[in-house]
Amino acid sequence: MPTAPTVVADLRAALPSALESRLEGWIDDQIEAITINGVPVTQIAAEIAALGETTLTRFAIDSELVVAGDEATHRLTRLDFTPAGAGVTIALAEVPADITSATTTARCEGGTLTLGDHAFSLPFGQYAWRAIEAAERLDSGIWTAELDASQGLRPAPSTFTGER
């Protein structure tokens, strides 16, 4: 069975250019007529695209630093997508420690703390996508929520911080 892109490509190739532009206009009209809860689907698509763009570029990371003698442990605790307008934070407690925790050297001299090099490798795209999906779902009434990294899109009810 041919896929939708193949059928569309075949149809477009078979049409004279005058009919092709009419077909495109008809398709555009049909899409513009679709609404979800009274909101045009084109507006919803634009909002999702804008949210995706800002979610990938505007976020905050919460972390915890523990210094014990000449050793420091730096642990990521939460991804915060509220700077992007998503109103979603994702707790990283359930993510394996080898991903969210790094141990390095620490030195304190003259009131200045110097940490050795360390890095994290987090599947950020997966969490950004979860934030986008959660923001869209939460947009129907709940303004902000905290999600557990292992829970996918199920907000933890006790962490709702407000309503729209």
C-alpha atoms as a PDB file:
ATOM      1  CA  MET A   1       0.000   0.000   0.000  1.00  0.00           C
ATOM      2  CA  PRO A   2       1.493   3.399  -0.967  1.00  0.00           C
ATOM      3  CA  THR A   3       2.216   5.921   1.778  1.00  0.00           C
ATOM      4  CA  ALA A   4       0.422   9.281   1.981  1.00  0.00           C
ATOM      5  CA  PRO A   5       3.445  11.292   0.720  1.00  0.00           C
ATOM      6  CA  THR A   6       3.712   8.968  -2.292  1.00  0.00           C
ATOM      7  CA  VAL A   7       0.000   9.289  -3.105  1.00  0.00           C
ATOM      8  CA  VAL A   8       0.160  13.082  -2.794  1.00  0.00           C
ATOM      9  CA  ALA A   9       3.299  13.239  -4.952  1.00  0.00           C
ATOM     10  CA  ASP A  10       1.684  11.011  -7.592  1.00  0.00           C
ATOM     11  CA  LEU A  11      -1.493  13.094  -7.555  1.00  0.00           C
ATOM     12  CA  ARG A  12       0.426  16.348  -7.881  1.00  0.00           C
ATOM     13  CA  ALA A  13       2.528  14.972 -10.725  1.00  0.00           C
ATOM     14  CA  ALA A  14      -0.626  13.918 -12.618  1.00  0.00           C
ATOM     15  CA  LEU A  15      -2.378  17.292 -12.286  1.00  0.00           C
ATOM     16  CA  PRO A  16      -1.924  20.212 -14.647  1.00  0.00           C
ATOM     17  CA  SER A  17      -0.350  23.184 -12.827  1.00  0.00           C
ATOM     18  CA  ALA A  18      -3.622  25.174 -12.919  1.00  0.00           C
ATOM     19  CA  LEU A  19      -5.431  22.387 -11.062  1.00  0.00           C
ATOM     20  CA  GLU A  20      -2.509  21.814  -8.698  1.00  0.00           C
ATOM     21  CA  SER A  21      -2.752  25.363  -7.331  1.00  0.00           C
ATOM     22  CA  ARG A  22      -6.527  24.930  -6.916  1.00  0.00           C
ATOM     23  CA  LEU A  23      -5.932  21.659  -5.044  1.00  0.00           C
ATOM     24  CA  GLU A  24      -3.419  23.364  -2.751  1.00  0.00           C
ATOM     25  CA  GLY A  25      -5.908  26.166  -2.119  1.00  0.00           C
ATOM     26  CA  TRP A  26      -8.654  23.662  -1.338  1.00  0.00           C
ATOM     27  CA  ILE A  27      -6.387  21.756   1.065  1.00  0.00           C
ATOM     28  CA  ASP A  28      -5.399  25.033   2.775  1.00  0.00           C
ATOM     29  CA  ASP A  29      -9.081  25.979   3.123  1.00  0.00           C
ATOM     30  CA  GLN A  30      -9.932  22.593   4.634  1.00  0.00           C
ATOM     31  CA  ILE A  31      -7.089  22.819   7.162  1.00  0.00           C
ATOM     32  CA  GLU A  32      -7.987  26.405   8.115  1.00  0.00           C
ATOM     33  CA  ALA A  33     -11.581  25.306   8.796  1.00  0.00           C
ATOM     34  CA  ILE A  34     -10.532  22.767  11.467  1.00  0.00           C
ATOM     35  CA  THR A  35     -10.814  23.915  15.073  1.00  0.00           C
ATOM     36  CA  ILE A  36     -10.114  22.277  18.412  1.00  0.00           C
ATOM     37  CA  ASN A  37     -12.234  23.690  21.238  1.00  0.00           C
ATOM     38  CA  GLY A  38     -12.921  26.682  19.002  1.00  0.00           C
ATOM     39  CA  VAL A  39      -9.251  27.404  18.286  1.00  0.00           C
ATOM     40  CA  PRO A  40      -8.064  27.109  14.662  1.00  0.00           C
ATOM     41  CA  VAL A  41      -5.698  24.177  14.203  1.00  0.00           C
ATOM     42  CA  THR A  42      -3.285  26.481  12.373  1.00  0.00           C
ATOM     43  CA  GLN A  43      -3.021  28.643  15.508  1.00  0.00           C
ATOM     44  CA  ILE A  44      -2.428  25.557  17.657  1.00  0.00           C
ATOM     45  CA  ALA A  45       0.302  24.349  15.271  1.00  0.00           C
ATOM     46  CA  ALA A  46       1.983  27.767  15.379  1.00  0.00           C
ATOM     47  CA  GLU A  47       1.896  27.792  19.194  1.00  0.00           C
ATOM     48  CA  ILE A  48       3.393  24.296  19.378  1.00  0.00           C
ATOM     49  CA  ALA A  49       6.166  25.280  16.955  1.00  0.00           C
ATOM     50  CA  ALA A  50       6.948  28.446  18.959  1.00  0.00           C
ATOM     51  CA  LEU A  51       6.947  26.505  22.230  1.00  0.00           C
ATOM     52  CA  GLY A  52       9.280  23.924  20.700  1.00  0.00           C
ATOM     53  CA  GLU A  53      11.671  26.626  19.549  1.00  0.00           C
ATOM     54  CA  THR A  54      11.870  28.347  22.938  1.00  0.00           C
ATOM     55  CA  THR A  55      11.921  25.093  24.929  1.00  0.00           C
ATOM     56  CA  LEU A  56      15.087  24.038  23.127  1.00  0.00           C
ATOM     57  CA  THR A  57      16.823  27.363  23.765  1.00  0.00           C
ATOM     58  CA  ARG A  58      15.465  28.655  27.086  1.00  0.00           C
ATOM     59  CA  PHE A  59      15.703  26.482  30.157  1.00  0.00           C
ATOM     60  CA  ALA A  60      17.347  26.360  33.559  1.00  0.00           C
ATOM     61  CA  ILE A  61      19.099  23.550  35.363  1.00  0.00           C
ATOM     62  CA  ASP A  62      18.935  23.179  39.125  1.00  0.00           C
ATOM     63  CA  SER A  63      21.810  21.372  40.764  1.00  0.00           C
ATOM     64  CA  GLU A  64      23.340  20.557  44.105  1.00  0.00           C
ATOM     65  CA  LEU A  65      27.030  20.862  44.952  1.00  0.00           C
ATOM     66  CA  VAL A  66      28.514  19.030  47.933  1.00  0.00           C
ATOM     67  CA  VAL A  67      32.111  19.797  48.854  1.00  0.00           C
ATOM     68  CA  ALA A  68      33.895  17.457  51.266  1.00  0.00           C
ATOM     69  CA  GLY A  69      37.587  18.222  51.738  1.00  0.00           C
ATOM     70  CA  ASP A  70      39.327  18.150  48.390  1.00  0.00           C
ATOM     71  CA  GLU A  71      36.431  16.443  46.572  1.00  0.00           C
ATOM     72  CA  ALA A  72      33.202  17.864  45.179  1.00  0.00           C
ATOM     73  CA  THR A  73      30.105  16.075  43.923  1.00  0.00           C
ATOM     74  CA  HIS A  74      27.890  18.026  41.559  1.00  0.00           C
ATOM     75  CA  ARG A  75      24.435  16.568  40.924  1.00  0.00           C
ATOM     76  CA  LEU A  76      21.734  17.756  38.518  1.00  0.00           C
ATOM     77  CA  THR A  77      18.349  17.826  40.262  1.00  0.00           C
ATOM     78  CA  ARG A  78      15.840  19.410  37.901  1.00  0.00           C
ATOM     79  CA  LEU A  79      15.298  20.720  34.380  1.00  0.00           C
ATOM     80  CA  ASP A  80      13.197  23.866  34.477  1.00  0.00           C
ATOM     81  CA  PHE A  81      11.385  24.865  31.299  1.00  0.00           C
ATOM     82  CA  THR A  82       9.507  27.819  32.825  1.00  0.00           C
ATOM     83  CA  PRO A  83      11.938  30.345  31.238  1.00  0.00           C
ATOM     84  CA  ALA A  84      10.590  29.092  27.886  1.00  0.00           C
ATOM     85  CA  GLY A  85       7.010  29.683  28.967  1.00  0.00           C
ATOM     86  CA  ALA A  86       6.283  25.963  29.205  1.00  0.00           C
ATOM     87  CA  GLY A  87       5.504  26.120  32.930  1.00  0.00           C
ATOM     88  CA  VAL A  88       7.018  22.661  33.425  1.00  0.00           C
ATOM     89  CA  THR A  89       9.862  21.362  35.562  1.00  0.00           C
ATOM     90  CA  ILE A  90      11.197  17.824  35.430  1.00  0.00           C
ATOM     91  CA  ALA A  91      12.751  16.301  38.542  1.00  0.00           C
ATOM     92  CA  LEU A  92      15.794  14.202  37.718  1.00  0.00           C
ATOM     93  CA  ALA A  93      15.809  12.053  40.869  1.00  0.00           C
ATOM     94  CA  GLU A  94      14.960   8.876  38.923  1.00  0.00           C
ATOM     95  CA  VAL A  95      17.641   9.359  36.271  1.00  0.00           C
ATOM     96  CA  PRO A  96      20.688   7.108  36.864  1.00  0.00           C
ATOM     97  CA  ALA A  97      23.384   8.807  38.954  1.00  0.00           C
ATOM     98  CA  ASP A  98      26.056   8.190  36.309  1.00  0.00           C
ATOM     99  CA  ILE A  99      24.145  10.613  34.086  1.00  0.00           C
ATOM    100  CA  THR A 100      23.259  13.304  36.633  1.00  0.00           C
ATOM    101  CA  SER A 101      26.216  13.192  39.022  1.00  0.00           C
ATOM    102  CA  ALA A 102      29.891  14.059  38.614  1.00  0.00           C
ATOM    103  CA  THR A 103      32.688  13.988  41.146  1.00  0.00           C
ATOM    104  CA  THR A 104      35.720  16.228  40.779  1.00  0.00           C
ATOM    105  CA  THR A 105      38.442  17.928  42.748  1.00  0.00           C
ATOM    106  CA  ALA A 106      37.800  20.936  44.959  1.00  0.00           C
ATOM    107  CA  ARG A 107      40.232  23.493  46.304  1.00  0.00           C
ATOM    108  CA  CYS A 108      39.519  26.485  48.503  1.00  0.00           C
ATOM    109  CA  GLU A 109      42.168  29.203  48.721  1.00  0.00           C
ATOM    110  CA  GLY A 110      41.764  32.782  49.876  1.00  0.00           C
ATOM    111  CA  GLY A 111      37.973  32.525  49.923  1.00  0.00           C
ATOM    112  CA  THR A 112      37.792  31.223  46.340  1.00  0.00           C
ATOM    113  CA  LEU A 113      36.448  27.754  45.567  1.00  0.00           C
ATOM    114  CA  THR A 114      37.971  26.136  42.494  1.00  0.00           C
ATOM    115  CA  LEU A 115      36.404  22.999  41.045  1.00  0.00           C
ATOM    116  CA  GLY A 116      38.043  20.570  38.633  1.00  0.00           C
ATOM    117  CA  ASP A 117      36.586  19.925  35.204  1.00  0.00           C
ATOM    118  CA  HIS A 118      33.438  17.850  35.072  1.00  0.00           C
ATOM    119  CA  ALA A 119      30.620  17.281  32.603  1.00  0.00           C
ATOM    120  CA  PHE A 120      27.177  15.752  32.247  1.00  0.00           C
ATOM    121  CA  SER A 121      25.534  13.934  29.368  1.00  0.00           C
ATOM    122  CA  LEU A 122      21.768  14.204  29.500  1.00  0.00           C
ATOM    123  CA  PRO A 123      19.289  13.209  26.760  1.00  0.00           C
ATOM    124  CA  PHE A 124      18.042  16.807  26.695  1.00  0.00           C
ATOM    125  CA  GLY A 125      15.925  16.441  23.565  1.00  0.00           C
ATOM    126  CA  GLN A 126      13.803  13.742  25.199  1.00  0.00           C
ATOM    127  CA  TYR A 127      13.112  15.961  28.207  1.00  0.00           C
ATOM    128  CA  ALA A 128      12.452  19.027  26.048  1.00  0.00           C
ATOM    129  CA  TRP A 129       9.900  17.005  24.052  1.00  0.00           C
ATOM    130  CA  ARG A 130       8.252  15.855  27.299  1.00  0.00           C
ATOM    131  CA  ALA A 131       8.076  19.470  28.426  1.00  0.00           C
ATOM    132  CA  ILE A 132       6.437  20.538  25.157  1.00  0.00           C
ATOM    133  CA  GLU A 133       3.874  17.714  25.371  1.00  0.00           C
ATOM    134  CA  ALA A 134       3.212  18.404  29.064  1.00  0.00           C
ATOM    135  CA  ALA A 135       2.807  22.132  28.424  1.00  0.00           C
ATOM    136  CA  GLU A 136       0.248  21.438  25.717  1.00  0.00           C
ATOM    137  CA  ARG A 137      -1.678  19.084  27.996  1.00  0.00           C
ATOM    138  CA  LEU A 138      -1.427  21.401  30.974  1.00  0.00           C
ATOM    139  CA  ASP A 139      -2.543  24.358  28.868  1.00  0.00           C
ATOM    140  CA  SER A 140      -6.110  23.165  29.228  1.00  0.00           C
ATOM    141  CA  GLY A 141      -6.230  24.376  32.832  1.00  0.00           C
ATOM    142  CA  ILE A 142      -3.160  23.738  34.931  1.00  0.00           C
ATOM    143  CA  TRP A 143      -0.455  26.377  34.531  1.00  0.00           C
ATOM    144  CA  THR A 144       2.627  24.703  36.056  1.00  0.00           C
ATOM    145  CA  ALA A 145       3.510  21.233  37.252  1.00  0.00           C
ATOM    146  CA  GLU A 146       6.528  19.201  38.195  1.00  0.00           C
ATOM    147  CA  LEU A 147       7.086  15.960  36.349  1.00  0.00           C
ATOM    148  CA  ASP A 148       9.253  13.099  37.440  1.00  0.00           C
ATOM    149  CA  ALA A 149      11.753  12.065  34.756  1.00  0.00           C
ATOM    150  CA  SER A 150      10.511   8.480  34.961  1.00  0.00           C
ATOM    151  CA  GLN A 151       6.804   9.381  34.758  1.00  0.00           C
ATOM    152  CA  GLY A 152       6.637  10.702  31.252  1.00  0.00           C
ATOM    153  CA  LEU A 153       3.735  13.123  31.077  1.00  0.00           C
ATOM    154  CA  ARG A 154       1.921  12.364  34.320  1.00  0.00           C
ATOM    155  CA  PRO A 155       2.152  15.467  36.518  1.00  0.00           C
ATOM    156  CA  ALA A 156       2.543  14.891  40.233  1.00  0.00           C
ATOM    157  CA  PRO A 157      -0.718  16.408  41.623  1.00  0.00           C
ATOM    158  CA  SER A 158       0.865  17.702  44.809  1.00  0.00           C
ATOM    159  CA  THR A 159       3.258  19.895  42.852  1.00  0.00           C
ATOM    160  CA  PHE A 160       0.783  21.974  40.863  1.00  0.00           C
ATOM    161  CA  THR A 161       1.706  25.582  41.543  1.00  0.00           C
ATOM    162  CA  GLY A 162      -1.216  27.479  40.120  1.00  0.00           C
ATOM    163  CA  GLU A 163      -3.955  27.740  37.563  1.00  0.00           C
ATOM    164  CA  ARG A 164      -4.204  29.753  34.416  1.00  0.00           C
END
